[in-house]
Amino acid sequence: MRDQLISVIIAERPYRLTVGDEREEEVFRKAAAMVSEKMGEYAKNYAFRDKQDLLAMVNLQFAVEFLRYNDTAKGQQELKKQLKEVDSLLDKSLLE
């Protein structure tokens, strides 16, 4: 793998990034597109003074979504652990 330099546009400003491969490049480009899309949604629906306001709201929304996803993933891991324990107890009771 060879690092490559790419450019993405966020809030009408170009940002140069170094990525590892084509898959990573695709992820960064999709992320930049998501930010731009969300900024457009906020611009249509809310009053704002400048693009920094839009970026702040988009950042907040993505952070909330991340935290919700993280909580869900932790809950799923805990549920999986509990189900394994129940399965183990059932196996033991069937063997007795």
N, C-alpha and C. Protein backbone atom coordinates (compact mmCIF):
# COMPACT_ATOMS: atom_id res chain seq x y z
N MET A 1 0.83 -1.18 0.00
CA MET A 1 0.00 0.00 0.00
C MET A 1 0.87 1.24 0.00
N ARG A 2 0.46 2.16 -0.84
CA ARG A 2 1.19 3.41 -0.91
C ARG A 2 0.25 4.55 -0.56
N ASP A 3 0.67 5.41 0.33
CA ASP A 3 -0.16 6.57 0.68
C ASP A 3 -0.33 7.46 -0.53
N GLN A 4 -1.52 8.04 -0.62
CA GLN A 4 -1.77 8.98 -1.70
C GLN A 4 -2.42 10.24 -1.15
N LEU A 5 -2.21 11.32 -1.83
CA LEU A 5 -2.74 12.61 -1.43
C LEU A 5 -4.04 12.85 -2.20
N ILE A 6 -5.11 13.18 -1.45
CA ILE A 6 -6.38 13.51 -2.09
C ILE A 6 -6.83 14.87 -1.60
N SER A 7 -7.82 15.41 -2.27
CA SER A 7 -8.40 16.68 -1.86
C SER A 7 -9.91 16.50 -1.76
N VAL A 8 -10.48 16.96 -0.66
CA VAL A 8 -11.93 16.96 -0.50
C VAL A 8 -12.38 18.39 -0.23
N ILE A 9 -13.62 18.67 -0.60
CA ILE A 9 -14.17 20.01 -0.41
C ILE A 9 -15.20 19.93 0.71
N ILE A 10 -15.01 20.77 1.73
CA ILE A 10 -15.97 20.89 2.83
C ILE A 10 -16.23 22.37 3.03
N ALA A 11 -17.50 22.74 3.01
CA ALA A 11 -17.91 24.15 3.16
C ALA A 11 -17.19 25.04 2.15
N GLU A 12 -17.13 24.53 0.92
CA GLU A 12 -16.53 25.26 -0.21
C GLU A 12 -15.04 25.53 -0.04
N ARG A 13 -14.39 24.77 0.84
CA ARG A 13 -12.95 24.90 1.02
C ARG A 13 -12.28 23.57 0.77
N PRO A 14 -11.16 23.57 0.05
CA PRO A 14 -10.47 22.30 -0.21
C PRO A 14 -9.57 21.92 0.97
N TYR A 15 -9.55 20.63 1.24
CA TYR A 15 -8.68 20.09 2.29
C TYR A 15 -7.90 18.93 1.70
N ARG A 16 -6.60 18.98 1.85
CA ARG A 16 -5.74 17.92 1.34
C ARG A 16 -5.49 16.91 2.45
N LEU A 17 -5.65 15.64 2.11
CA LEU A 17 -5.50 14.56 3.08
C LEU A 17 -4.62 13.47 2.49
N THR A 18 -3.94 12.76 3.35
CA THR A 18 -3.18 11.59 2.93
C THR A 18 -3.96 10.36 3.35
N VAL A 19 -4.23 9.49 2.38
CA VAL A 19 -4.98 8.25 2.65
C VAL A 19 -4.14 7.06 2.23
N GLY A 20 -4.48 5.89 2.80
CA GLY A 20 -3.68 4.69 2.56
C GLY A 20 -3.96 4.00 1.25
N ASP A 21 -5.24 3.89 0.88
CA ASP A 21 -5.57 3.16 -0.34
C ASP A 21 -6.90 3.65 -0.89
N GLU A 22 -7.37 3.00 -1.97
CA GLU A 22 -8.61 3.43 -2.63
C GLU A 22 -9.82 3.31 -1.71
N ARG A 23 -9.85 2.26 -0.89
CA ARG A 23 -11.00 2.09 0.03
C ARG A 23 -11.05 3.23 1.03
N GLU A 24 -9.90 3.59 1.56
CA GLU A 24 -9.86 4.69 2.52
C GLU A 24 -10.23 6.01 1.83
N GLU A 25 -9.77 6.18 0.61
CA GLU A 25 -10.13 7.38 -0.15
C GLU A 25 -11.64 7.46 -0.32
N GLU A 26 -12.26 6.34 -0.65
CA GLU A 26 -13.71 6.31 -0.84
C GLU A 26 -14.45 6.70 0.45
N VAL A 27 -13.96 6.22 1.58
CA VAL A 27 -14.58 6.54 2.87
C VAL A 27 -14.49 8.04 3.14
N PHE A 28 -13.32 8.62 2.91
CA PHE A 28 -13.16 10.07 3.14
C PHE A 28 -14.03 10.88 2.21
N ARG A 29 -14.11 10.46 0.95
CA ARG A 29 -14.95 11.19 -0.01
C ARG A 29 -16.43 11.09 0.36
N LYS A 30 -16.87 9.90 0.79
CA LYS A 30 -18.26 9.74 1.22
C LYS A 30 -18.54 10.60 2.45
N ALA A 31 -17.60 10.62 3.38
CA ALA A 31 -17.77 11.42 4.59
C ALA A 31 -17.89 12.90 4.25
N ALA A 32 -17.04 13.39 3.36
CA ALA A 32 -17.10 14.79 2.95
C ALA A 32 -18.43 15.09 2.27
N ALA A 33 -18.92 14.14 1.45
CA ALA A 33 -20.20 14.32 0.79
C ALA A 33 -21.34 14.35 1.81
N MET A 34 -21.25 13.50 2.83
CA MET A 34 -22.28 13.50 3.88
C MET A 34 -22.31 14.83 4.62
N VAL A 35 -21.14 15.37 4.92
CA VAL A 35 -21.07 16.66 5.61
C VAL A 35 -21.71 17.74 4.75
N SER A 36 -21.36 17.74 3.47
CA SER A 36 -21.93 18.75 2.56
C SER A 36 -23.44 18.61 2.46
N GLU A 37 -23.92 17.38 2.37
CA GLU A 37 -25.37 17.14 2.29
C GLU A 37 -26.07 17.63 3.54
N LYS A 38 -25.53 17.30 4.70
CA LYS A 38 -26.15 17.73 5.97
C LYS A 38 -26.11 19.25 6.10
N MET A 39 -25.02 19.87 5.65
CA MET A 39 -24.94 21.33 5.69
C MET A 39 -26.05 21.94 4.84
N GLY A 40 -26.29 21.34 3.67
CA GLY A 40 -27.37 21.82 2.80
C GLY A 40 -28.73 21.70 3.46
N GLU A 41 -28.95 20.57 4.16
CA GLU A 41 -30.22 20.38 4.87
C GLU A 41 -30.40 21.44 5.96
N TYR A 42 -29.35 21.67 6.74
CA TYR A 42 -29.44 22.67 7.80
C TYR A 42 -29.64 24.06 7.21
N ALA A 43 -28.98 24.36 6.10
CA ALA A 43 -29.11 25.67 5.48
C ALA A 43 -30.54 25.93 5.02
N LYS A 44 -31.21 24.89 4.53
CA LYS A 44 -32.59 25.05 4.08
C LYS A 44 -33.56 25.24 5.24
N ASN A 45 -33.29 24.58 6.35
CA ASN A 45 -34.27 24.51 7.43
C ASN A 45 -34.04 25.46 8.60
N TYR A 46 -32.85 26.01 8.72
CA TYR A 46 -32.54 26.84 9.88
C TYR A 46 -31.84 28.12 9.47
N ALA A 47 -32.04 29.14 10.30
CA ALA A 47 -31.32 30.39 10.08
C ALA A 47 -29.89 30.21 10.59
N PHE A 48 -28.95 30.78 9.87
CA PHE A 48 -27.55 30.69 10.28
C PHE A 48 -26.83 31.94 9.84
N ARG A 49 -25.76 32.26 10.57
CA ARG A 49 -24.97 33.45 10.23
C ARG A 49 -23.90 33.13 9.21
N ASP A 50 -23.22 31.99 9.40
CA ASP A 50 -22.15 31.63 8.47
C ASP A 50 -21.98 30.12 8.43
N LYS A 51 -21.09 29.66 7.60
CA LYS A 51 -20.88 28.23 7.43
C LYS A 51 -20.38 27.56 8.70
N GLN A 52 -19.72 28.30 9.56
CA GLN A 52 -19.24 27.73 10.82
C GLN A 52 -20.43 27.25 11.66
N ASP A 53 -21.53 28.01 11.65
CA ASP A 53 -22.73 27.58 12.37
C ASP A 53 -23.23 26.24 11.81
N LEU A 54 -23.25 26.14 10.49
CA LEU A 54 -23.70 24.90 9.86
C LEU A 54 -22.77 23.74 10.21
N LEU A 55 -21.47 23.98 10.13
CA LEU A 55 -20.49 22.94 10.46
C LEU A 55 -20.63 22.49 11.91
N ALA A 56 -20.88 23.43 12.80
CA ALA A 56 -21.04 23.09 14.22
C ALA A 56 -22.26 22.19 14.41
N MET A 57 -23.37 22.51 13.76
CA MET A 57 -24.58 21.71 13.91
C MET A 57 -24.41 20.32 13.28
N VAL A 58 -23.76 20.26 12.12
CA VAL A 58 -23.50 18.97 11.48
C VAL A 58 -22.59 18.13 12.37
N ASN A 59 -21.57 18.74 12.93
CA ASN A 59 -20.65 18.03 13.82
C ASN A 59 -21.40 17.49 15.03
N LEU A 60 -22.26 18.31 15.61
CA LEU A 60 -23.05 17.88 16.76
C LEU A 60 -23.94 16.70 16.39
N GLN A 61 -24.61 16.77 15.24
CA GLN A 61 -25.49 15.69 14.82
C GLN A 61 -24.71 14.39 14.64
N PHE A 62 -23.56 14.45 13.98
CA PHE A 62 -22.76 13.24 13.78
C PHE A 62 -22.24 12.69 15.10
N ALA A 63 -21.88 13.56 16.03
CA ALA A 63 -21.41 13.09 17.35
C ALA A 63 -22.53 12.38 18.10
N VAL A 64 -23.74 12.93 18.04
CA VAL A 64 -24.88 12.30 18.70
C VAL A 64 -25.16 10.94 18.07
N GLU A 65 -25.14 10.87 16.74
CA GLU A 65 -25.37 9.60 16.05
C GLU A 65 -24.31 8.57 16.44
N PHE A 66 -23.06 9.01 16.53
CA PHE A 66 -21.98 8.11 16.93
C PHE A 66 -22.21 7.56 18.33
N LEU A 67 -22.56 8.45 19.26
CA LEU A 67 -22.78 8.02 20.64
C LEU A 67 -23.97 7.06 20.74
N ARG A 68 -25.02 7.35 19.99
CA ARG A 68 -26.17 6.43 20.00
C ARG A 68 -25.77 5.07 19.44
N TYR A 69 -25.02 5.08 18.35
CA TYR A 69 -24.57 3.82 17.75
C TYR A 69 -23.67 3.07 18.73
N ASN A 70 -22.77 3.78 19.36
CA ASN A 70 -21.84 3.17 20.32
C ASN A 70 -22.60 2.53 21.48
N ASP A 71 -23.62 3.23 22.00
CA ASP A 71 -24.43 2.68 23.08
C ASP A 71 -25.17 1.43 22.61
N THR A 72 -25.69 1.46 21.40
CA THR A 72 -26.40 0.30 20.85
C THR A 72 -25.45 -0.88 20.68
N ALA A 73 -24.26 -0.62 20.19
CA ALA A 73 -23.28 -1.69 19.99
C ALA A 73 -22.89 -2.31 21.33
N LYS A 74 -22.69 -1.48 22.35
CA LYS A 74 -22.36 -1.99 23.69
C LYS A 74 -23.51 -2.83 24.23
N GLY A 75 -24.74 -2.35 24.02
CA GLY A 75 -25.91 -3.10 24.47
C GLY A 75 -26.01 -4.44 23.78
N GLN A 76 -25.72 -4.46 22.49
CA GLN A 76 -25.76 -5.72 21.74
C GLN A 76 -24.69 -6.68 22.24
N GLN A 77 -23.51 -6.17 22.56
CA GLN A 77 -22.45 -7.03 23.08
C GLN A 77 -22.85 -7.62 24.43
N GLU A 78 -23.46 -6.81 25.27
CA GLU A 78 -23.90 -7.28 26.59
C GLU A 78 -24.99 -8.33 26.42
N LEU A 79 -25.93 -8.09 25.52
CA LEU A 79 -26.99 -9.06 25.27
C LEU A 79 -26.42 -10.37 24.75
N LYS A 80 -25.47 -10.29 23.84
CA LYS A 80 -24.83 -11.49 23.31
C LYS A 80 -24.16 -12.29 24.43
N LYS A 81 -23.47 -11.58 25.33
CA LYS A 81 -22.80 -12.22 26.46
C LYS A 81 -23.83 -12.93 27.35
N GLN A 82 -24.92 -12.25 27.65
CA GLN A 82 -25.96 -12.84 28.49
C GLN A 82 -26.60 -14.06 27.82
N LEU A 83 -26.82 -13.98 26.51
CA LEU A 83 -27.39 -15.12 25.80
C LEU A 83 -26.45 -16.32 25.81
N LYS A 84 -25.17 -16.07 25.70
CA LYS A 84 -24.20 -17.16 25.78
C LYS A 84 -24.24 -17.81 27.16
N GLU A 85 -24.37 -17.00 28.20
CA GLU A 85 -24.46 -17.54 29.56
C GLU A 85 -25.71 -18.39 29.72
N VAL A 86 -26.84 -17.91 29.20
CA VAL A 86 -28.08 -18.67 29.27
C VAL A 86 -27.94 -19.97 28.49
N ASP A 87 -27.35 -19.90 27.32
CA ASP A 87 -27.12 -21.09 26.50
C ASP A 87 -26.26 -22.11 27.25
N SER A 88 -25.24 -21.63 27.91
CA SER A 88 -24.36 -22.50 28.67
C SER A 88 -25.12 -23.17 29.82
N LEU A 89 -25.95 -22.39 30.52
CA LEU A 89 -26.75 -22.95 31.60
C LEU A 89 -27.74 -24.00 31.08
N LEU A 90 -28.33 -23.73 29.93
CA LEU A 90 -29.26 -24.71 29.35
C LEU A 90 -28.53 -25.99 28.96
N ASP A 91 -27.34 -25.84 28.38
CA ASP A 91 -26.55 -27.02 28.02
C ASP A 91 -26.24 -27.86 29.25
N LYS A 92 -25.84 -27.17 30.33
CA LYS A 92 -25.51 -27.89 31.58
C LYS A 92 -26.74 -28.62 32.14
N SER A 93 -27.89 -27.96 32.10
CA SER A 93 -29.09 -28.59 32.66
C SER A 93 -29.54 -29.76 31.80
N LEU A 94 -29.31 -29.71 30.51
CA LEU A 94 -29.68 -30.84 29.63
C LEU A 94 -28.77 -32.04 29.85
N LEU A 95 -27.55 -31.78 30.23
CA LEU A 95 -26.58 -32.88 30.46
C LEU A 95 -26.80 -33.56 31.81
N GLU A 96 -27.50 -32.92 32.72
CA GLU A 96 -27.70 -33.50 34.05
C GLU A 96 -28.79 -34.52 34.05
